[in-house]
Amino acid sequence: MDTIHAIRVEEVRDKVEDKHFYVVYIEINETIKIIGKSKSKPQLIRYISEVY
């Protein structure tokens, strides 16, 4: 089973190229993988599941 250390959203404001976007990435098994880039701010939602 994989170990997920963090899921992050980074806001990028590139003033040199006049760009503004968000990068979503995951740190899994000590490796960082970019999930995607977005012009709009992603909505962050947390769910908790309980199994009985």
C-alpha atoms as a PDB file:
ATOM      1  CA  MET A   1       0.000   0.000   0.000  1.00  0.00           C
ATOM      2  CA  ASP A   2       1.249   3.493  -0.869  1.00  0.00           C
ATOM      3  CA  THR A   3       2.068   6.118   1.759  1.00  0.00           C
ATOM      4  CA  ILE A   4       0.620   9.549   0.973  1.00  0.00           C
ATOM      5  CA  HIS A   5       2.487  12.255   2.868  1.00  0.00           C
ATOM      6  CA  ALA A   6       0.716  15.331   1.460  1.00  0.00           C
ATOM      7  CA  ILE A   7      -1.666  16.624  -1.181  1.00  0.00           C
ATOM      8  CA  ARG A   8      -1.008  20.297  -1.888  1.00  0.00           C
ATOM      9  CA  VAL A   9      -2.348  23.181  -3.939  1.00  0.00           C
ATOM     10  CA  GLU A  10       0.205  25.821  -4.848  1.00  0.00           C
ATOM     11  CA  GLU A  11      -0.800  29.231  -6.207  1.00  0.00           C
ATOM     12  CA  VAL A  12       1.656  30.470  -8.852  1.00  0.00           C
ATOM     13  CA  ARG A  13       1.892  34.165  -9.756  1.00  0.00           C
ATOM     14  CA  ASP A  14       4.413  34.478 -12.592  1.00  0.00           C
ATOM     15  CA  LYS A  15       4.984  38.203 -13.003  1.00  0.00           C
ATOM     16  CA  VAL A  16       7.629  37.714 -15.710  1.00  0.00           C
ATOM     17  CA  GLU A  17       5.246  35.908 -18.091  1.00  0.00           C
ATOM     18  CA  ASP A  18       2.108  37.505 -16.564  1.00  0.00           C
ATOM     19  CA  LYS A  19       0.485  34.171 -15.641  1.00  0.00           C
ATOM     20  CA  HIS A  20      -1.593  33.129 -12.640  1.00  0.00           C
ATOM     21  CA  PHE A  21      -2.525  29.483 -12.022  1.00  0.00           C
ATOM     22  CA  TYR A  22      -2.723  26.720  -9.430  1.00  0.00           C
ATOM     23  CA  VAL A  23      -0.709  23.488  -9.326  1.00  0.00           C
ATOM     24  CA  VAL A  24      -2.095  20.425  -7.526  1.00  0.00           C
ATOM     25  CA  TYR A  25       0.463  17.814  -6.554  1.00  0.00           C
ATOM     26  CA  ILE A  26       0.835  14.779  -4.320  1.00  0.00           C
ATOM     27  CA  GLU A  27       3.763  13.487  -2.298  1.00  0.00           C
ATOM     28  CA  ILE A  28       3.494   9.703  -2.404  1.00  0.00           C
ATOM     29  CA  ASN A  29       6.166   7.220  -1.357  1.00  0.00           C
ATOM     30  CA  GLU A  30       8.698  10.082  -1.088  1.00  0.00           C
ATOM     31  CA  THR A  31       8.013  11.070  -4.728  1.00  0.00           C
ATOM     32  CA  ILE A  32       6.237  14.260  -5.827  1.00  0.00           C
ATOM     33  CA  LYS A  33       3.796  13.909  -8.735  1.00  0.00           C
ATOM     34  CA  ILE A  34       1.922  16.795 -10.373  1.00  0.00           C
ATOM     35  CA  ILE A  35      -1.774  15.947 -10.631  1.00  0.00           C
ATOM     36  CA  GLY A  36      -2.670  18.968 -12.735  1.00  0.00           C
ATOM     37  CA  LYS A  37      -2.682  22.721 -13.337  1.00  0.00           C
ATOM     38  CA  SER A  38      -5.748  24.972 -13.235  1.00  0.00           C
ATOM     39  CA  LYS A  39      -6.587  28.587 -14.074  1.00  0.00           C
ATOM     40  CA  SER A  40      -9.396  28.538 -11.494  1.00  0.00           C
ATOM     41  CA  LYS A  41      -8.893  27.975  -7.765  1.00  0.00           C
ATOM     42  CA  PRO A  42      -9.653  24.337  -6.863  1.00  0.00           C
ATOM     43  CA  GLN A  43     -12.246  23.713  -4.175  1.00  0.00           C
ATOM     44  CA  LEU A  44     -10.748  21.877  -1.210  1.00  0.00           C
ATOM     45  CA  ILE A  45     -13.074  19.328   0.392  1.00  0.00           C
ATOM     46  CA  ARG A  46     -12.407  16.917   3.241  1.00  0.00           C
ATOM     47  CA  TYR A  47     -14.468  13.768   3.710  1.00  0.00           C
ATOM     48  CA  ILE A  48     -14.373  11.341   6.612  1.00  0.00           C
ATOM     49  CA  SER A  49     -15.640   7.811   6.033  1.00  0.00           C
ATOM     50  CA  GLU A  50     -16.428   5.471   8.882  1.00  0.00           C
ATOM     51  CA  VAL A  51     -16.808   1.755   8.238  1.00  0.00           C
ATOM     52  CA  TYR A  52     -18.777  -0.294  10.728  1.00  0.00           C
END
